[in-house]
Amino acid sequence: MDAELKAKWVKALRSGKYQQARGQLKDGDRYCCLGVLCDIAGRGEFETRDRLGDSFVYNGDRTQGTLPEQLSVEIELSPIAESTCWKMNDQRFLTFPEIADWIEENL
């Protein structure tokens, strides 16, 4: 992962600007840690769908719970790192600052 994008992601997670969500990238005005990455990466956009909630759209690929595969490849976030972040957010219920600490130390 590019050092500049990593630093921007860590800073965003620690900023207090984002309220934490679970189970999808974005839920109204709340985000999971991967949703924050989507928001700050400057690629693609969130789209609100009626009963389906918010989707992230990147080059025609629409997703709600994981990064679009092409975006993961482009920003060089491995499937293992993505899965670890997802688990910290959705299964272990770590806070954004705790996830930021892991990202800073391991990516």
PDB file of N, CA and C in Angstrom:
ATOM      1  N   MET A   1       0.852  -1.178   0.000  1.00  0.00           N
ATOM      2  CA  MET A   1       0.000   0.000   0.000  1.00  0.00           C
ATOM      3  C   MET A   1       0.895   1.237   0.000  1.00  0.00           C
ATOM      4  N   ASP A   2       0.511   2.195  -0.815  1.00  0.00           N
ATOM      5  CA  ASP A   2       1.213   3.467  -0.909  1.00  0.00           C
ATOM      6  C   ASP A   2       1.260   4.144   0.462  1.00  0.00           C
ATOM      7  N   ALA A   3       2.443   4.614   0.842  1.00  0.00           N
ATOM      8  CA  ALA A   3       2.632   5.220   2.170  1.00  0.00           C
ATOM      9  C   ALA A   3       1.743   6.446   2.369  1.00  0.00           C
ATOM     10  N   GLU A   4       1.541   7.236   1.328  1.00  0.00           N
ATOM     11  CA  GLU A   4       0.709   8.435   1.446  1.00  0.00           C
ATOM     12  C   GLU A   4      -0.763   8.068   1.697  1.00  0.00           C
ATOM     13  N   LEU A   5      -1.262   7.076   0.967  1.00  0.00           N
ATOM     14  CA  LEU A   5      -2.645   6.638   1.171  1.00  0.00           C
ATOM     15  C   LEU A   5      -2.811   6.008   2.546  1.00  0.00           C
ATOM     16  N   LYS A   6      -1.840   5.216   2.957  1.00  0.00           N
ATOM     17  CA  LYS A   6      -1.875   4.599   4.289  1.00  0.00           C
ATOM     18  C   LYS A   6      -1.943   5.678   5.374  1.00  0.00           C
ATOM     19  N   ALA A   7      -1.104   6.694   5.273  1.00  0.00           N
ATOM     20  CA  ALA A   7      -1.096   7.783   6.264  1.00  0.00           C
ATOM     21  C   ALA A   7      -2.421   8.535   6.266  1.00  0.00           C
ATOM     22  N   LYS A   8      -2.970   8.753   5.096  1.00  0.00           N
ATOM     23  CA  LYS A   8      -4.259   9.443   4.978  1.00  0.00           C
ATOM     24  C   LYS A   8      -5.380   8.612   5.613  1.00  0.00           C
ATOM     25  N   TRP A   9      -5.340   7.289   5.425  1.00  0.00           N
ATOM     26  CA  TRP A   9      -6.340   6.383   5.989  1.00  0.00           C
ATOM     27  C   TRP A   9      -6.243   6.371   7.513  1.00  0.00           C
ATOM     28  N   VAL A  10      -5.030   6.238   8.028  1.00  0.00           N
ATOM     29  CA  VAL A  10      -4.817   6.234   9.484  1.00  0.00           C
ATOM     30  C   VAL A  10      -5.295   7.552  10.088  1.00  0.00           C
ATOM     31  N   LYS A  11      -4.945   8.652   9.452  1.00  0.00           N
ATOM     32  CA  LYS A  11      -5.363   9.965   9.947  1.00  0.00           C
ATOM     33  C   LYS A  11      -6.887  10.092   9.952  1.00  0.00           C
ATOM     34  N   ALA A  12      -7.543   9.613   8.899  1.00  0.00           N
ATOM     35  CA  ALA A  12      -9.004   9.679   8.826  1.00  0.00           C
ATOM     36  C   ALA A  12      -9.655   8.834   9.915  1.00  0.00           C
ATOM     37  N   LEU A  13      -9.100   7.653  10.175  1.00  0.00           N
ATOM     38  CA  LEU A  13      -9.653   6.786  11.217  1.00  0.00           C
ATOM     39  C   LEU A  13      -9.512   7.412  12.607  1.00  0.00           C
ATOM     40  N   ARG A  14      -8.473   8.180  12.803  1.00  0.00           N
ATOM     41  CA  ARG A  14      -8.238   8.808  14.107  1.00  0.00           C
ATOM     42  C   ARG A  14      -8.897  10.183  14.230  1.00  0.00           C
ATOM     43  N   SER A  15      -9.406  10.712  13.154  1.00  0.00           N
ATOM     44  CA  SER A  15      -9.875  12.098  13.112  1.00  0.00           C
ATOM     45  C   SER A  15     -11.140  12.383  13.922  1.00  0.00           C
ATOM     46  N   GLY A  16     -11.962  11.377  14.133  1.00  0.00           N
ATOM     47  CA  GLY A  16     -13.255  11.605  14.774  1.00  0.00           C
ATOM     48  C   GLY A  16     -14.322  12.070  13.796  1.00  0.00           C
ATOM     49  N   LYS A  17     -13.949  12.279  12.545  1.00  0.00           N
ATOM     50  CA  LYS A  17     -14.890  12.718  11.512  1.00  0.00           C
ATOM     51  C   LYS A  17     -15.882  11.608  11.149  1.00  0.00           C
ATOM     52  N   TYR A  18     -15.435  10.373  11.224  1.00  0.00           N
ATOM     53  CA  TYR A  18     -16.245   9.235  10.780  1.00  0.00           C
ATOM     54  C   TYR A  18     -16.856   8.503  11.963  1.00  0.00           C
ATOM     55  N   GLN A  19     -18.159   8.279  11.902  1.00  0.00           N
ATOM     56  CA  GLN A  19     -18.835   7.424  12.875  1.00  0.00           C
ATOM     57  C   GLN A  19     -18.724   5.988  12.367  1.00  0.00           C
ATOM     58  N   GLN A  20     -18.542   5.053  13.280  1.00  0.00           N
ATOM     59  CA  GLN A  20     -18.283   3.667  12.894  1.00  0.00           C
ATOM     60  C   GLN A  20     -19.567   2.894  12.640  1.00  0.00           C
ATOM     61  N   ALA A  21     -19.543   2.120  11.560  1.00  0.00           N
ATOM     62  CA  ALA A  21     -20.643   1.215  11.195  1.00  0.00           C
ATOM     63  C   ALA A  21     -20.110  -0.206  11.180  1.00  0.00           C
ATOM     64  N   ARG A  22     -20.998  -1.129  11.168  1.00  0.00           N
ATOM     65  CA  ARG A  22     -20.649  -2.549  11.075  1.00  0.00           C
ATOM     66  C   ARG A  22     -21.485  -3.175   9.958  1.00  0.00           C
ATOM     67  N   GLY A  23     -20.918  -4.161   9.290  1.00  0.00           N
ATOM     68  CA  GLY A  23     -21.679  -4.965   8.355  1.00  0.00           C
ATOM     69  C   GLY A  23     -21.755  -4.456   6.924  1.00  0.00           C
ATOM     70  N   GLN A  24     -21.373  -3.218   6.677  1.00  0.00           N
ATOM     71  CA  GLN A  24     -21.303  -2.729   5.304  1.00  0.00           C
ATOM     72  C   GLN A  24     -20.367  -1.534   5.256  1.00  0.00           C
ATOM     73  N   LEU A  25     -19.911  -1.211   4.059  1.00  0.00           N
ATOM     74  CA  LEU A  25     -18.933  -0.132   3.905  1.00  0.00           C
ATOM     75  C   LEU A  25     -19.467   1.194   4.425  1.00  0.00           C
ATOM     76  N   LYS A  26     -20.729   1.480   4.124  1.00  0.00           N
ATOM     77  CA  LYS A  26     -21.335   2.742   4.544  1.00  0.00           C
ATOM     78  C   LYS A  26     -22.797   2.491   4.852  1.00  0.00           C
ATOM     79  N   ASP A  27     -23.250   3.055   5.946  1.00  0.00           N
ATOM     80  CA  ASP A  27     -24.640   2.929   6.370  1.00  0.00           C
ATOM     81  C   ASP A  27     -25.110   4.317   6.775  1.00  0.00           C
ATOM     82  N   GLY A  28     -25.730   5.023   5.832  1.00  0.00           N
ATOM     83  CA  GLY A  28     -26.130   6.399   6.094  1.00  0.00           C
ATOM     84  C   GLY A  28     -24.911   7.275   6.240  1.00  0.00           C
ATOM     85  N   ASP A  29     -24.706   7.825   7.426  1.00  0.00           N
ATOM     86  CA  ASP A  29     -23.534   8.676   7.653  1.00  0.00           C
ATOM     87  C   ASP A  29     -22.449   7.960   8.460  1.00  0.00           C
ATOM     88  N   ARG A  30     -22.548   6.635   8.559  1.00  0.00           N
ATOM     89  CA  ARG A  30     -21.568   5.838   9.296  1.00  0.00           C
ATOM     90  C   ARG A  30     -20.797   4.943   8.325  1.00  0.00           C
ATOM     91  N   TYR A  31     -19.549   4.634   8.678  1.00  0.00           N
ATOM     92  CA  TYR A  31     -18.662   3.874   7.795  1.00  0.00           C
ATOM     93  C   TYR A  31     -17.969   2.761   8.571  1.00  0.00           C
ATOM     94  N   CYS A  32     -17.651   1.665   7.897  1.00  0.00           N
ATOM     95  CA  CYS A  32     -16.702   0.712   8.475  1.00  0.00           C
ATOM     96  C   CYS A  32     -15.306   1.201   8.100  1.00  0.00           C
ATOM     97  N   CYS A  33     -14.278   0.590   8.639  1.00  0.00           N
ATOM     98  CA  CYS A  33     -12.918   1.053   8.365  1.00  0.00           C
ATOM     99  C   CYS A  33     -12.589   0.978   6.879  1.00  0.00           C
ATOM    100  N   LEU A  34     -13.107  -0.020   6.175  1.00  0.00           N
ATOM    101  CA  LEU A  34     -12.874  -0.123   4.733  1.00  0.00           C
ATOM    102  C   LEU A  34     -13.679   0.923   3.970  1.00  0.00           C
ATOM    103  N   GLY A  35     -14.834   1.290   4.487  1.00  0.00           N
ATOM    104  CA  GLY A  35     -15.618   2.367   3.894  1.00  0.00           C
ATOM    105  C   GLY A  35     -14.903   3.698   3.992  1.00  0.00           C
ATOM    106  N   VAL A  36     -14.201   3.913   5.105  1.00  0.00           N
ATOM    107  CA  VAL A  36     -13.396   5.120   5.258  1.00  0.00           C
ATOM    108  C   VAL A  36     -12.311   5.132   4.178  1.00  0.00           C
ATOM    109  N   LEU A  37     -11.689   3.985   3.949  1.00  0.00           N
ATOM    110  CA  LEU A  37     -10.667   3.890   2.903  1.00  0.00           C
ATOM    111  C   LEU A  37     -11.268   4.239   1.544  1.00  0.00           C
ATOM    112  N   CYS A  38     -12.438   3.712   1.245  1.00  0.00           N
ATOM    113  CA  CYS A  38     -13.111   4.045  -0.018  1.00  0.00           C
ATOM    114  C   CYS A  38     -13.351   5.543  -0.114  1.00  0.00           C
ATOM    115  N   ASP A  39     -13.782   6.135   0.970  1.00  0.00           N
ATOM    116  CA  ASP A  39     -14.120   7.557   0.965  1.00  0.00           C
ATOM    117  C   ASP A  39     -12.891   8.432   0.734  1.00  0.00           C
ATOM    118  N   ILE A  40     -11.762   8.093   1.330  1.00  0.00           N
ATOM    119  CA  ILE A  40     -10.585   8.955   1.242  1.00  0.00           C
ATOM    120  C   ILE A  40      -9.678   8.621   0.057  1.00  0.00           C
ATOM    121  N   ALA A  41      -9.879   7.477  -0.589  1.00  0.00           N
ATOM    122  CA  ALA A  41      -8.997   7.062  -1.686  1.00  0.00           C
ATOM    123  C   ALA A  41      -9.142   7.945  -2.924  1.00  0.00           C
ATOM    124  N   GLY A  42     -10.277   8.643  -3.022  1.00  0.00           N
ATOM    125  CA  GLY A  42     -10.469   9.531  -4.163  1.00  0.00           C
ATOM    126  C   GLY A  42     -10.815   8.806  -5.443  1.00  0.00           C
ATOM    127  N   ARG A  43     -11.318   7.604  -5.314  1.00  0.00           N
ATOM    128  CA  ARG A  43     -11.705   6.802  -6.475  1.00  0.00           C
ATOM    129  C   ARG A  43     -13.094   6.241  -6.216  1.00  0.00           C
ATOM    130  N   GLY A  44     -13.935   6.274  -7.200  1.00  0.00           N
ATOM    131  CA  GLY A  44     -15.276   5.739  -7.036  1.00  0.00           C
ATOM    132  C   GLY A  44     -16.131   6.659  -6.194  1.00  0.00           C
ATOM    133  N   GLU A  45     -17.356   6.182  -5.901  1.00  0.00           N
ATOM    134  CA  GLU A  45     -18.274   7.000  -5.109  1.00  0.00           C
ATOM    135  C   GLU A  45     -19.313   6.127  -4.433  1.00  0.00           C
ATOM    136  N   PHE A  46     -19.855   6.649  -3.358  1.00  0.00           N
ATOM    137  CA  PHE A  46     -20.954   5.970  -2.690  1.00  0.00           C
ATOM    138  C   PHE A  46     -22.252   6.377  -3.362  1.00  0.00           C
ATOM    139  N   GLU A  47     -23.134   5.420  -3.455  1.00  0.00           N
ATOM    140  CA  GLU A  47     -24.434   5.624  -4.077  1.00  0.00           C
ATOM    141  C   GLU A  47     -25.496   5.075  -3.127  1.00  0.00           C
ATOM    142  N   THR A  48     -26.487   5.891  -2.830  1.00  0.00           N
ATOM    143  CA  THR A  48     -27.563   5.438  -1.952  1.00  0.00           C
ATOM    144  C   THR A  48     -28.616   4.726  -2.773  1.00  0.00           C
ATOM    145  N   ARG A  49     -28.940   3.530  -2.372  1.00  0.00           N
ATOM    146  CA  ARG A  49     -29.974   2.729  -3.032  1.00  0.00           C
ATOM    147  C   ARG A  49     -31.121   2.606  -2.045  1.00  0.00           C
ATOM    148  N   ASP A  50     -32.316   2.622  -2.504  1.00  0.00           N
ATOM    149  CA  ASP A  50     -33.488   2.607  -1.641  1.00  0.00           C
ATOM    150  C   ASP A  50     -33.358   1.648  -0.462  1.00  0.00           C
ATOM    151  N   ARG A  51     -33.923   0.488  -0.545  1.00  0.00           N
ATOM    152  CA  ARG A  51     -33.953  -0.437   0.585  1.00  0.00           C
ATOM    153  C   ARG A  51     -32.652  -1.220   0.756  1.00  0.00           C
ATOM    154  N   LEU A  52     -31.749  -1.117  -0.209  1.00  0.00           N
ATOM    155  CA  LEU A  52     -30.510  -1.884  -0.160  1.00  0.00           C
ATOM    156  C   LEU A  52     -29.403  -1.178   0.614  1.00  0.00           C
ATOM    157  N   GLY A  53     -29.606   0.067   0.976  1.00  0.00           N
ATOM    158  CA  GLY A  53     -28.563   0.810   1.672  1.00  0.00           C
ATOM    159  C   GLY A  53     -27.557   1.389   0.701  1.00  0.00           C
ATOM    160  N   ASP A  54     -26.412   1.803   1.209  1.00  0.00           N
ATOM    161  CA  ASP A  54     -25.394   2.460   0.398  1.00  0.00           C
ATOM    162  C   ASP A  54     -24.472   1.435  -0.252  1.00  0.00           C
ATOM    163  N   SER A  55     -24.133   1.689  -1.505  1.00  0.00           N
ATOM    164  CA  SER A  55     -23.166   0.871  -2.233  1.00  0.00           C
ATOM    165  C   SER A  55     -21.987   1.740  -2.620  1.00  0.00           C
ATOM    166  N   PHE A  56     -20.823   1.118  -2.761  1.00  0.00           N
ATOM    167  CA  PHE A  56     -19.667   1.820  -3.300  1.00  0.00           C
ATOM    168  C   PHE A  56     -19.493   1.358  -4.726  1.00  0.00           C
ATOM    169  N   VAL A  57     -19.368   2.317  -5.641  1.00  0.00           N
ATOM    170  CA  VAL A  57     -19.274   2.005  -7.062  1.00  0.00           C
ATOM    171  C   VAL A  57     -17.913   2.442  -7.573  1.00  0.00           C
ATOM    172  N   TYR A  58     -17.187   1.494  -8.152  1.00  0.00           N
ATOM    173  CA  TYR A  58     -15.880   1.778  -8.714  1.00  0.00           C
ATOM    174  C   TYR A  58     -15.768   1.072 -10.061  1.00  0.00           C
ATOM    175  N   ASN A  59     -15.604   1.850 -11.121  1.00  0.00           N
ATOM    176  CA  ASN A  59     -15.513   1.311 -12.485  1.00  0.00           C
ATOM    177  C   ASN A  59     -16.632   0.314 -12.789  1.00  0.00           C
ATOM    178  N   GLY A  60     -17.834   0.645 -12.377  1.00  0.00           N
ATOM    179  CA  GLY A  60     -18.989  -0.198 -12.656  1.00  0.00           C
ATOM    180  C   GLY A  60     -19.196  -1.339 -11.685  1.00  0.00           C
ATOM    181  N   ASP A  61     -18.226  -1.588 -10.814  1.00  0.00           N
ATOM    182  CA  ASP A  61     -18.342  -2.650  -9.803  1.00  0.00           C
ATOM    183  C   ASP A  61     -19.007  -2.053  -8.566  1.00  0.00           C
ATOM    184  N   ARG A  62     -20.118  -2.619  -8.161  1.00  0.00           N
ATOM    185  CA  ARG A  62     -20.891  -2.118  -7.017  1.00  0.00           C
ATOM    186  C   ARG A  62     -20.773  -3.133  -5.878  1.00  0.00           C
ATOM    187  N   THR A  63     -20.428  -2.629  -4.694  1.00  0.00           N
ATOM    188  CA  THR A  63     -20.280  -3.518  -3.548  1.00  0.00           C
ATOM    189  C   THR A  63     -20.747  -2.817  -2.281  1.00  0.00           C
ATOM    190  N   GLN A  64     -21.111  -3.608  -1.289  1.00  0.00           N
ATOM    191  CA  GLN A  64     -21.578  -3.030  -0.030  1.00  0.00           C
ATOM    192  C   GLN A  64     -20.722  -3.427   1.162  1.00  0.00           C
ATOM    193  N   GLY A  65     -20.101  -4.591   1.128  1.00  0.00           N
ATOM    194  CA  GLY A  65     -19.407  -5.069   2.316  1.00  0.00           C
ATOM    195  C   GLY A  65     -17.909  -5.232   2.174  1.00  0.00           C
ATOM    196  N   THR A  66     -17.422  -5.256   0.944  1.00  0.00           N
ATOM    197  CA  THR A  66     -15.989  -5.430   0.711  1.00  0.00           C
ATOM    198  C   THR A  66     -15.535  -4.416  -0.328  1.00  0.00           C
ATOM    199  N   LEU A  67     -14.241  -4.238  -0.427  1.00  0.00           N
ATOM    200  CA  LEU A  67     -13.713  -3.348  -1.457  1.00  0.00           C
ATOM    201  C   LEU A  67     -13.917  -3.982  -2.829  1.00  0.00           C
ATOM    202  N   PRO A  68     -14.189  -3.177  -3.848  1.00  0.00           N
ATOM    203  CA  PRO A  68     -14.187  -3.730  -5.205  1.00  0.00           C
ATOM    204  C   PRO A  68     -12.820  -4.339  -5.490  1.00  0.00           C
ATOM    205  N   GLU A  69     -12.802  -5.494  -6.108  1.00  0.00           N
ATOM    206  CA  GLU A  69     -11.545  -6.210  -6.329  1.00  0.00           C
ATOM    207  C   GLU A  69     -10.518  -5.355  -7.066  1.00  0.00           C
ATOM    208  N   GLN A  70     -10.941  -4.655  -8.110  1.00  0.00           N
ATOM    209  CA  GLN A  70     -10.009  -3.836  -8.879  1.00  0.00           C
ATOM    210  C   GLN A  70      -9.394  -2.739  -8.010  1.00  0.00           C
ATOM    211  N   LEU A  71     -10.173  -2.149  -7.124  1.00  0.00           N
ATOM    212  CA  LEU A  71      -9.644  -1.118  -6.228  1.00  0.00           C
ATOM    213  C   LEU A  71      -8.617  -1.714  -5.270  1.00  0.00           C
ATOM    214  N   SER A  72      -8.913  -2.887  -4.726  1.00  0.00           N
ATOM    215  CA  SER A  72      -7.958  -3.558  -3.828  1.00  0.00           C
ATOM    216  C   SER A  72      -6.627  -3.783  -4.513  1.00  0.00           C
ATOM    217  N   VAL A  73      -6.689  -4.221  -5.776  1.00  0.00           N
ATOM    218  CA  VAL A  73      -5.466  -4.469  -6.538  1.00  0.00           C
ATOM    219  C   VAL A  73      -4.717  -3.163  -6.772  1.00  0.00           C
ATOM    220  N   GLU A  74      -5.421  -2.122  -7.180  1.00  0.00           N
ATOM    221  CA  GLU A  74      -4.782  -0.845  -7.501  1.00  0.00           C
ATOM    222  C   GLU A  74      -4.118  -0.188  -6.293  1.00  0.00           C
ATOM    223  N   ILE A  75      -4.743  -0.292  -5.126  1.00  0.00           N
ATOM    224  CA  ILE A  75      -4.150   0.338  -3.938  1.00  0.00           C
ATOM    225  C   ILE A  75      -3.238  -0.624  -3.183  1.00  0.00           C
ATOM    226  N   GLU A  76      -3.121  -1.838  -3.717  1.00  0.00           N
ATOM    227  CA  GLU A  76      -2.227  -2.864  -3.170  1.00  0.00           C
ATOM    228  C   GLU A  76      -2.559  -3.232  -1.732  1.00  0.00           C
ATOM    229  N   LEU A  77      -3.848  -3.467  -1.503  1.00  0.00           N
ATOM    230  CA  LEU A  77      -4.288  -3.986  -0.206  1.00  0.00           C
ATOM    231  C   LEU A  77      -4.572  -5.472  -0.397  1.00  0.00           C
ATOM    232  N   SER A  78      -3.791  -6.303   0.231  1.00  0.00           N
ATOM    233  CA  SER A  78      -3.917  -7.744   0.033  1.00  0.00           C
ATOM    234  C   SER A  78      -5.253  -8.254   0.570  1.00  0.00           C
ATOM    235  N   PRO A  79      -5.729  -9.366   0.038  1.00  0.00           N
ATOM    236  CA  PRO A  79      -6.956  -9.966   0.577  1.00  0.00           C
ATOM    237  C   PRO A  79      -6.847 -10.281   2.070  1.00  0.00           C
ATOM    238  N   ILE A  80      -5.661 -10.669   2.519  1.00  0.00           N
ATOM    239  CA  ILE A  80      -5.472 -10.977   3.945  1.00  0.00           C
ATOM    240  C   ILE A  80      -5.619  -9.704   4.779  1.00  0.00           C
ATOM    241  N   ALA A  81      -5.000  -8.612   4.327  1.00  0.00           N
ATOM    242  CA  ALA A  81      -5.105  -7.345   5.060  1.00  0.00           C
ATOM    243  C   ALA A  81      -6.550  -6.840   5.064  1.00  0.00           C
ATOM    244  N   GLU A  82      -7.216  -6.938   3.932  1.00  0.00           N
ATOM    245  CA  GLU A  82      -8.616  -6.518   3.864  1.00  0.00           C
ATOM    246  C   GLU A  82      -9.473  -7.341   4.819  1.00  0.00           C
ATOM    247  N   SER A  83      -9.274  -8.652   4.818  1.00  0.00           N
ATOM    248  CA  SER A  83     -10.026  -9.532   5.706  1.00  0.00           C
ATOM    249  C   SER A  83      -9.741  -9.222   7.175  1.00  0.00           C
ATOM    250  N   THR A  84      -8.491  -8.957   7.489  1.00  0.00           N
ATOM    251  CA  THR A  84      -8.131  -8.624   8.863  1.00  0.00           C
ATOM    252  C   THR A  84      -8.826  -7.341   9.309  1.00  0.00           C
ATOM    253  N   CYS A  85      -8.824  -6.334   8.447  1.00  0.00           N
ATOM    254  CA  CYS A  85      -9.497  -5.071   8.772  1.00  0.00           C
ATOM    255  C   CYS A  85     -10.988  -5.289   8.967  1.00  0.00           C
ATOM    256  N   TRP A  86     -11.580  -6.053   8.071  1.00  0.00           N
ATOM    257  CA  TRP A  86     -13.016  -6.358   8.178  1.00  0.00           C
ATOM    258  C   TRP A  86     -13.323  -7.049   9.501  1.00  0.00           C
ATOM    259  N   LYS A  87     -12.521  -8.034   9.861  1.00  0.00           N
ATOM    260  CA  LYS A  87     -12.749  -8.768  11.104  1.00  0.00           C
ATOM    261  C   LYS A  87     -12.570  -7.884  12.338  1.00  0.00           C
ATOM    262  N   MET A  88     -11.556  -7.010  12.312  1.00  0.00           N
ATOM    263  CA  MET A  88     -11.356  -6.110  13.445  1.00  0.00           C
ATOM    264  C   MET A  88     -12.574  -5.199  13.622  1.00  0.00           C
ATOM    265  N   ASN A  89     -13.120  -4.731  12.512  1.00  0.00           N
ATOM    266  CA  ASN A  89     -14.261  -3.814  12.554  1.00  0.00           C
ATOM    267  C   ASN A  89     -15.563  -4.533  12.904  1.00  0.00           C
ATOM    268  N   ASP A  90     -15.837  -5.649  12.224  1.00  0.00           N
ATOM    269  CA  ASP A  90     -17.160  -6.274  12.304  1.00  0.00           C
ATOM    270  C   ASP A  90     -17.281  -7.442  13.277  1.00  0.00           C
ATOM    271  N   GLN A  91     -16.191  -8.102  13.586  1.00  0.00           N
ATOM    272  CA  GLN A  91     -16.269  -9.258  14.480  1.00  0.00           C
ATOM    273  C   GLN A  91     -15.641  -8.997  15.845  1.00  0.00           C
ATOM    274  N   ARG A  92     -14.544  -8.254  15.858  1.00  0.00           N
ATOM    275  CA  ARG A  92     -13.864  -7.989  17.128  1.00  0.00           C
ATOM    276  C   ARG A  92     -14.300  -6.664  17.741  1.00  0.00           C
ATOM    277  N   PHE A  93     -15.036  -5.864  16.962  1.00  0.00           N
ATOM    278  CA  PHE A  93     -15.586  -4.579  17.425  1.00  0.00           C
ATOM    279  C   PHE A  93     -14.516  -3.623  17.941  1.00  0.00           C
ATOM    280  N   LEU A  94     -13.354  -3.604  17.261  1.00  0.00           N
ATOM    281  CA  LEU A  94     -12.322  -2.651  17.631  1.00  0.00           C
ATOM    282  C   LEU A  94     -12.733  -1.255  17.183  1.00  0.00           C
ATOM    283  N   THR A  95     -12.233  -0.254  17.873  1.00  0.00           N
ATOM    284  CA  THR A  95     -12.516   1.128  17.512  1.00  0.00           C
ATOM    285  C   THR A  95     -11.648   1.535  16.319  1.00  0.00           C
ATOM    286  N   PHE A  96     -12.009   2.636  15.683  1.00  0.00           N
ATOM    287  CA  PHE A  96     -11.193   3.138  14.583  1.00  0.00           C
ATOM    288  C   PHE A  96      -9.753   3.427  15.016  1.00  0.00           C
ATOM    289  N   PRO A  97      -9.515   4.066  16.164  1.00  0.00           N
ATOM    290  CA  PRO A  97      -8.115   4.275  16.574  1.00  0.00           C
ATOM    291  C   PRO A  97      -7.349   2.963  16.776  1.00  0.00           C
ATOM    292  N   GLU A  98      -8.001   1.935  17.290  1.00  0.00           N
ATOM    293  CA  GLU A  98      -7.338   0.636  17.458  1.00  0.00           C
ATOM    294  C   GLU A  98      -7.003   0.018  16.100  1.00  0.00           C
ATOM    295  N   ILE A  99      -7.920   0.139  15.151  1.00  0.00           N
ATOM    296  CA  ILE A  99      -7.674  -0.374  13.800  1.00  0.00           C
ATOM    297  C   ILE A  99      -6.557   0.431  13.144  1.00  0.00           C
ATOM    298  N   ALA A 100      -6.559   1.742  13.346  1.00  0.00           N
ATOM    299  CA  ALA A 100      -5.501   2.602  12.802  1.00  0.00           C
ATOM    300  C   ALA A 100      -4.131   2.175  13.332  1.00  0.00           C
ATOM    301  N   ASP A 101      -4.056   1.831  14.605  1.00  0.00           N
ATOM    302  CA  ASP A 101      -2.793   1.363  15.193  1.00  0.00           C
ATOM    303  C   ASP A 101      -2.305   0.112  14.460  1.00  0.00           C
ATOM    304  N   TRP A 102      -3.218  -0.827  14.187  1.00  0.00           N
ATOM    305  CA  TRP A 102      -2.844  -2.061  13.501  1.00  0.00           C
ATOM    306  C   TRP A 102      -2.359  -1.749  12.082  1.00  0.00           C
ATOM    307  N   ILE A 103      -3.088  -0.899  11.382  1.00  0.00           N
ATOM    308  CA  ILE A 103      -2.712  -0.527  10.010  1.00  0.00           C
ATOM    309  C   ILE A 103      -1.322   0.102  10.004  1.00  0.00           C
ATOM    310  N   GLU A 104      -1.094   1.007  10.926  1.00  0.00           N
ATOM    311  CA  GLU A 104       0.186   1.703  11.009  1.00  0.00           C
ATOM    312  C   GLU A 104       1.341   0.729  11.248  1.00  0.00           C
ATOM    313  N   GLU A 105       1.111  -0.270  12.077  1.00  0.00           N
ATOM    314  CA  GLU A 105       2.165  -1.224  12.436  1.00  0.00           C
ATOM    315  C   GLU A 105       2.354  -2.353  11.440  1.00  0.00           C
ATOM    316  N   ASN A 106       1.306  -2.678  10.663  1.00  0.00           N
ATOM    317  CA  ASN A 106       1.345  -3.908   9.862  1.00  0.00           C
ATOM    318  C   ASN A 106       1.249  -3.735   8.348  1.00  0.00           C
ATOM    319  N   LEU A 107       0.873  -2.586   7.880  1.00  0.00           N
ATOM    320  CA  LEU A 107       0.754  -2.415   6.428  1.00  0.00           C
ATOM    321  C   LEU A 107       1.874  -1.541   5.878  1.00  0.00           C
TER     322      LEU A 107
END
